[in-house]
Amino acid sequence: MLTNEEKRMDNLLKQKIRQVTPELPGEGFVPSVMFSIEQLALAKQKKKEEPLISPKGWFIVVMVISVLTTLFVLTSSEAFSLQPLIDQLDRFNENYLSVFFSNFFLLALVVFVLFFLVQIFVISGYLEKARSVEH
């Protein structure tokens, strides 16, 4: 049971709660918010779009392809050999698989792995740069 004093305090509190109205935003609230949104949109439009791989990066890719092609085409089979890799794969094949890997396939596989690693490096750098611009 509530005492008289507690009932009076409870009634007073209920009365004060009924009197409280939600605050209304100031006069310039809506224009201020709209201006902020407009500034954000303009900032995103001004952001210069740049290619994922720069011209310098493409130059490096072309140079690597040119060097590998030159090595593969112009050198004799004795000078440019993937024999250690072939030996390892032959040992693996004897134990687990029976698949033949040609020199060309092995060279293509090595180049693919190298380009894949370069691509991961370039994309991660690009994403880190984009993330730092956003914050």
Protein backbone atom coordinates (compact mmCIF):
# COMPACT_ATOMS: atom_id res chain seq x y z
CA MET A 1 0.00 0.00 0.00
CA LEU A 2 1.13 3.46 -0.77
CA THR A 3 1.22 6.06 1.90
CA ASN A 4 -0.41 9.45 1.44
CA GLU A 5 2.93 11.06 0.71
CA GLU A 6 3.77 8.42 -1.90
CA LYS A 7 0.34 8.78 -3.56
CA ARG A 8 0.78 12.55 -3.72
CA MET A 9 4.27 12.18 -5.26
CA ASP A 10 2.94 9.62 -7.74
CA ASN A 11 0.09 11.92 -8.82
CA LEU A 12 2.46 14.88 -9.09
CA LEU A 13 4.85 12.85 -11.24
CA LYS A 14 2.00 11.65 -13.54
CA GLN A 15 0.80 15.24 -13.92
CA LYS A 16 4.28 16.51 -14.83
CA ILE A 17 4.76 13.69 -17.35
CA ARG A 18 1.46 14.64 -19.07
CA GLN A 19 2.62 18.27 -19.30
CA VAL A 20 5.86 17.39 -21.06
CA THR A 21 5.63 17.66 -24.83
CA PRO A 22 8.23 16.50 -27.29
CA GLU A 23 10.68 19.16 -28.32
CA LEU A 24 10.30 20.54 -31.80
CA PRO A 25 13.38 21.16 -33.92
CA GLY A 26 14.48 24.74 -34.46
CA GLU A 27 13.46 26.84 -37.43
CA GLY A 28 16.54 26.05 -39.50
CA PHE A 29 16.66 22.33 -38.81
CA VAL A 30 15.25 21.00 -42.10
CA PRO A 31 17.24 23.37 -44.36
CA SER A 32 20.38 22.56 -42.37
CA VAL A 33 19.92 18.81 -42.82
CA MET A 34 19.12 19.21 -46.51
CA PHE A 35 22.22 21.37 -47.00
CA SER A 36 24.38 18.71 -45.31
CA ILE A 37 22.96 16.01 -47.58
CA GLU A 38 23.59 18.17 -50.63
CA GLN A 39 27.21 18.75 -49.56
CA LEU A 40 27.75 15.01 -49.13
CA ALA A 41 26.33 14.34 -52.59
CA LEU A 42 28.58 17.01 -54.12
CA ALA A 43 31.64 15.60 -52.36
CA LYS A 44 30.92 12.15 -53.80
CA GLN A 45 30.49 13.62 -57.28
CA LYS A 46 33.80 15.48 -57.03
CA LYS A 47 35.63 12.28 -56.16
CA LYS A 48 37.77 11.53 -59.16
CA GLU A 49 37.32 8.04 -60.50
CA GLU A 50 40.59 6.40 -61.35
CA PRO A 51 41.34 3.06 -62.98
CA LEU A 52 42.11 0.05 -60.85
CA ILE A 53 45.43 -0.50 -62.63
CA SER A 54 47.32 2.69 -63.46
CA PRO A 55 49.20 3.19 -66.74
CA LYS A 56 52.42 2.51 -64.84
CA GLY A 57 50.96 -0.80 -63.64
CA TRP A 58 49.95 -1.79 -67.17
CA PHE A 59 53.47 -0.95 -68.35
CA ILE A 60 54.92 -3.30 -65.73
CA VAL A 61 52.47 -6.06 -66.73
CA VAL A 62 53.41 -5.69 -70.41
CA MET A 63 57.11 -5.74 -69.55
CA VAL A 64 56.77 -8.92 -67.48
CA ILE A 65 54.81 -10.63 -70.26
CA SER A 66 57.37 -9.50 -72.83
CA VAL A 67 60.30 -10.78 -70.79
CA LEU A 68 58.65 -14.14 -70.11
CA THR A 69 57.68 -14.53 -73.77
CA THR A 70 61.18 -13.63 -74.89
CA LEU A 71 62.70 -16.11 -72.44
CA PHE A 72 60.35 -18.84 -73.55
CA VAL A 73 60.68 -18.29 -77.30
CA LEU A 74 64.29 -17.24 -77.80
CA THR A 75 66.15 -19.44 -75.34
CA SER A 76 67.02 -23.03 -76.03
CA SER A 77 65.37 -25.77 -74.07
CA GLU A 78 68.61 -26.43 -72.14
CA ALA A 79 69.00 -22.81 -70.98
CA PHE A 80 65.40 -22.29 -69.91
CA SER A 81 64.22 -25.42 -68.21
CA LEU A 82 61.52 -26.20 -65.74
CA GLN A 83 63.03 -29.62 -65.15
CA PRO A 84 63.25 -29.32 -61.32
CA LEU A 85 59.54 -28.50 -61.17
CA ILE A 86 58.76 -31.30 -63.62
CA ASP A 87 60.72 -33.77 -61.48
CA GLN A 88 58.77 -32.78 -58.38
CA LEU A 89 55.47 -33.16 -60.23
CA ASP A 90 56.53 -36.52 -61.63
CA ARG A 91 57.23 -37.79 -58.13
CA PHE A 92 53.84 -36.49 -57.02
CA ASN A 93 52.17 -38.14 -60.03
CA GLU A 94 53.78 -41.49 -59.32
CA ASN A 95 52.31 -41.51 -55.83
CA TYR A 96 48.91 -39.84 -56.25
CA LEU A 97 47.94 -39.00 -59.84
CA SER A 98 48.64 -40.05 -63.37
CA VAL A 99 48.57 -36.71 -65.20
CA PHE A 100 51.11 -35.41 -67.69
CA PHE A 101 52.21 -31.75 -67.34
CA SER A 102 53.93 -30.17 -70.33
CA ASN A 103 56.55 -27.43 -70.02
CA PHE A 104 54.14 -24.94 -71.52
CA PHE A 105 51.45 -25.83 -68.99
CA LEU A 106 53.89 -25.45 -66.10
CA LEU A 107 55.11 -22.08 -67.37
CA ALA A 108 51.50 -20.92 -67.78
CA LEU A 109 50.71 -22.10 -64.26
CA VAL A 110 53.69 -20.23 -62.78
CA VAL A 111 52.78 -17.04 -64.68
CA PHE A 112 49.14 -17.37 -63.61
CA VAL A 113 50.12 -17.67 -59.95
CA LEU A 114 52.46 -14.67 -60.22
CA PHE A 115 49.78 -12.53 -61.86
CA PHE A 116 47.22 -13.68 -59.32
CA LEU A 117 49.47 -12.58 -56.46
CA VAL A 118 50.14 -9.22 -58.14
CA GLN A 119 46.40 -8.76 -58.69
CA ILE A 120 45.65 -9.45 -55.02
CA PHE A 121 48.33 -6.96 -54.00
CA VAL A 122 47.01 -4.24 -56.35
CA ILE A 123 43.35 -4.74 -55.41
CA SER A 124 44.07 -4.75 -51.67
CA GLY A 125 46.06 -1.52 -52.03
CA TYR A 126 43.24 0.05 -54.03
CA LEU A 127 40.62 -0.96 -51.46
CA GLU A 128 42.75 0.33 -48.58
CA LYS A 129 43.15 3.66 -50.38
CA ALA A 130 39.40 3.86 -51.07
CA ARG A 131 38.61 3.01 -47.45
CA SER A 132 40.99 5.70 -46.15
CA VAL A 133 39.37 8.32 -48.42
CA GLU A 134 35.90 7.47 -47.05
CA HIS A 135 36.98 7.97 -43.45
